[in-house]
Amino acid sequence: MQPRLKKENYVIGPDGSPLTLADLPKPETQRWVVRRKAEVVAAVRGGLLSLEEACSRYSLTVEEFLGWQRSIDKHGLAGLRTTRLQTYR
């Protein structure tokens, strides 16, 4: 009998591919593009990170994260574009 390999936890990312902790943006990320924001939201929604862990890891406020989540819910990924912020509010 072969030993079981530890299966790494993952969630489905915004593009439909598996997303692991290793795939998430680096904690020192300064430039938040749509894809990175969506990956962090997907990780929290899927249970890969807690809201508190995500906010701590990325130096986000809870309000900022919840704003990303609301934008995705209301407008999809396009809602995360900062250049279109006024259009989607």
C-alpha atoms as a PDB file:
ATOM      1  CA  MET A   1       0.000   0.000   0.000  1.00  0.00           C
ATOM      2  CA  GLN A   2       1.426   3.362  -1.025  1.00  0.00           C
ATOM      3  CA  PRO A   3       1.263   6.301   1.348  1.00  0.00           C
ATOM      4  CA  ARG A   4      -1.321   8.899   0.418  1.00  0.00           C
ATOM      5  CA  LEU A   5       0.059  12.154  -0.872  1.00  0.00           C
ATOM      6  CA  LYS A   6      -1.204  15.246   0.862  1.00  0.00           C
ATOM      7  CA  LYS A   7      -3.668  16.947  -1.435  1.00  0.00           C
ATOM      8  CA  GLU A   8      -3.166  20.698  -1.521  1.00  0.00           C
ATOM      9  CA  ASN A   9      -6.235  22.810  -0.899  1.00  0.00           C
ATOM     10  CA  TYR A  10      -7.436  24.863  -3.811  1.00  0.00           C
ATOM     11  CA  VAL A  11     -10.397  26.852  -5.017  1.00  0.00           C
ATOM     12  CA  ILE A  12     -11.531  27.706  -8.505  1.00  0.00           C
ATOM     13  CA  GLY A  13     -10.065  31.039  -9.520  1.00  0.00           C
ATOM     14  CA  PRO A  14     -11.786  33.797 -11.457  1.00  0.00           C
ATOM     15  CA  ASP A  15     -10.596  32.335 -14.771  1.00  0.00           C
ATOM     16  CA  GLY A  16     -11.881  28.831 -13.932  1.00  0.00           C
ATOM     17  CA  SER A  17      -8.490  27.309 -13.117  1.00  0.00           C
ATOM     18  CA  PRO A  18      -7.462  25.872  -9.724  1.00  0.00           C
ATOM     19  CA  LEU A  19      -6.050  28.493  -7.356  1.00  0.00           C
ATOM     20  CA  THR A  20      -3.782  27.530  -4.438  1.00  0.00           C
ATOM     21  CA  LEU A  21      -2.121  29.641  -1.761  1.00  0.00           C
ATOM     22  CA  ALA A  22       1.068  29.540  -3.865  1.00  0.00           C
ATOM     23  CA  ASP A  23      -0.840  31.055  -6.813  1.00  0.00           C
ATOM     24  CA  LEU A  24      -2.114  34.053  -4.862  1.00  0.00           C
ATOM     25  CA  PRO A  25      -0.477  37.460  -5.254  1.00  0.00           C
ATOM     26  CA  LYS A  26       2.614  38.061  -3.141  1.00  0.00           C
ATOM     27  CA  PRO A  27       1.954  39.711   0.232  1.00  0.00           C
ATOM     28  CA  GLU A  28       4.017  42.747  -0.773  1.00  0.00           C
ATOM     29  CA  THR A  29       1.834  43.430  -3.843  1.00  0.00           C
ATOM     30  CA  GLN A  30       1.476  47.159  -4.476  1.00  0.00           C
ATOM     31  CA  ARG A  31      -0.270  47.225  -7.863  1.00  0.00           C
ATOM     32  CA  TRP A  32      -3.736  45.717  -7.632  1.00  0.00           C
ATOM     33  CA  VAL A  33      -4.906  44.760 -11.109  1.00  0.00           C
ATOM     34  CA  VAL A  34      -8.322  43.192 -11.703  1.00  0.00           C
ATOM     35  CA  ARG A  35      -6.978  39.623 -11.820  1.00  0.00           C
ATOM     36  CA  ARG A  36      -5.159  39.903  -8.477  1.00  0.00           C
ATOM     37  CA  LYS A  37      -8.151  41.410  -6.712  1.00  0.00           C
ATOM     38  CA  ALA A  38     -10.409  38.689  -8.135  1.00  0.00           C
ATOM     39  CA  GLU A  39      -7.995  35.955  -7.017  1.00  0.00           C
ATOM     40  CA  VAL A  40      -7.991  37.230  -3.438  1.00  0.00           C
ATOM     41  CA  VAL A  41     -11.800  37.459  -3.397  1.00  0.00           C
ATOM     42  CA  ALA A  42     -12.070  33.911  -4.810  1.00  0.00           C
ATOM     43  CA  ALA A  43      -9.622  32.615  -2.189  1.00  0.00           C
ATOM     44  CA  VAL A  44     -11.660  34.104   0.660  1.00  0.00           C
ATOM     45  CA  ARG A  45     -14.984  32.964  -0.769  1.00  0.00           C
ATOM     46  CA  GLY A  46     -13.638  29.461  -1.291  1.00  0.00           C
ATOM     47  CA  GLY A  47     -12.187  29.203   2.198  1.00  0.00           C
ATOM     48  CA  LEU A  48      -8.538  29.172   1.138  1.00  0.00           C
ATOM     49  CA  LEU A  49      -7.977  32.274   3.308  1.00  0.00           C
ATOM     50  CA  SER A  50     -10.166  33.867   5.941  1.00  0.00           C
ATOM     51  CA  LEU A  51     -11.168  37.498   5.554  1.00  0.00           C
ATOM     52  CA  GLU A  52      -8.881  38.377   8.447  1.00  0.00           C
ATOM     53  CA  GLU A  53      -5.943  36.472   6.924  1.00  0.00           C
ATOM     54  CA  ALA A  54      -6.421  38.166   3.556  1.00  0.00           C
ATOM     55  CA  CYS A  55      -6.631  41.639   5.086  1.00  0.00           C
ATOM     56  CA  SER A  56      -3.564  41.024   7.223  1.00  0.00           C
ATOM     57  CA  ARG A  57      -1.559  39.398   4.423  1.00  0.00           C
ATOM     58  CA  TYR A  58      -2.270  42.186   1.916  1.00  0.00           C
ATOM     59  CA  SER A  59      -2.582  45.161   4.301  1.00  0.00           C
ATOM     60  CA  LEU A  60      -6.190  45.725   3.256  1.00  0.00           C
ATOM     61  CA  THR A  61      -9.015  47.123   5.306  1.00  0.00           C
ATOM     62  CA  VAL A  62     -12.126  45.004   5.657  1.00  0.00           C
ATOM     63  CA  GLU A  63     -14.053  47.785   3.895  1.00  0.00           C
ATOM     64  CA  GLU A  64     -11.643  47.722   0.942  1.00  0.00           C
ATOM     65  CA  PHE A  65     -11.961  43.942   0.557  1.00  0.00           C
ATOM     66  CA  LEU A  66     -15.755  44.059   0.897  1.00  0.00           C
ATOM     67  CA  GLY A  67     -15.798  46.777  -1.758  1.00  0.00           C
ATOM     68  CA  TRP A  68     -13.990  44.442  -4.155  1.00  0.00           C
ATOM     69  CA  GLN A  69     -16.465  41.698  -3.352  1.00  0.00           C
ATOM     70  CA  ARG A  70     -19.483  43.982  -3.890  1.00  0.00           C
ATOM     71  CA  SER A  71     -18.038  45.204  -7.194  1.00  0.00           C
ATOM     72  CA  ILE A  72     -17.668  41.624  -8.450  1.00  0.00           C
ATOM     73  CA  ASP A  73     -21.190  40.731  -7.322  1.00  0.00           C
ATOM     74  CA  LYS A  74     -22.740  43.779  -8.934  1.00  0.00           C
ATOM     75  CA  HIS A  75     -20.667  44.236 -12.110  1.00  0.00           C
ATOM     76  CA  GLY A  76     -18.471  41.149 -12.544  1.00  0.00           C
ATOM     77  CA  LEU A  77     -14.726  41.483 -13.007  1.00  0.00           C
ATOM     78  CA  ALA A  78     -15.187  44.741 -14.906  1.00  0.00           C
ATOM     79  CA  GLY A  79     -16.373  46.313 -11.663  1.00  0.00           C
ATOM     80  CA  LEU A  80     -12.863  45.963 -10.242  1.00  0.00           C
ATOM     81  CA  ARG A  81     -11.340  48.322 -12.808  1.00  0.00           C
ATOM     82  CA  THR A  82     -10.283  51.501 -11.049  1.00  0.00           C
ATOM     83  CA  THR A  83     -10.406  53.479 -14.288  1.00  0.00           C
ATOM     84  CA  ARG A  84     -14.129  52.764 -14.539  1.00  0.00           C
ATOM     85  CA  LEU A  85     -14.890  53.293 -10.869  1.00  0.00           C
ATOM     86  CA  GLN A  86     -17.379  56.125 -11.397  1.00  0.00           C
ATOM     87  CA  THR A  87     -19.209  54.184 -14.105  1.00  0.00           C
ATOM     88  CA  TYR A  88     -19.877  51.247 -11.796  1.00  0.00           C
ATOM     89  CA  ARG A  89     -20.848  53.141  -8.642  1.00  0.00           C
END
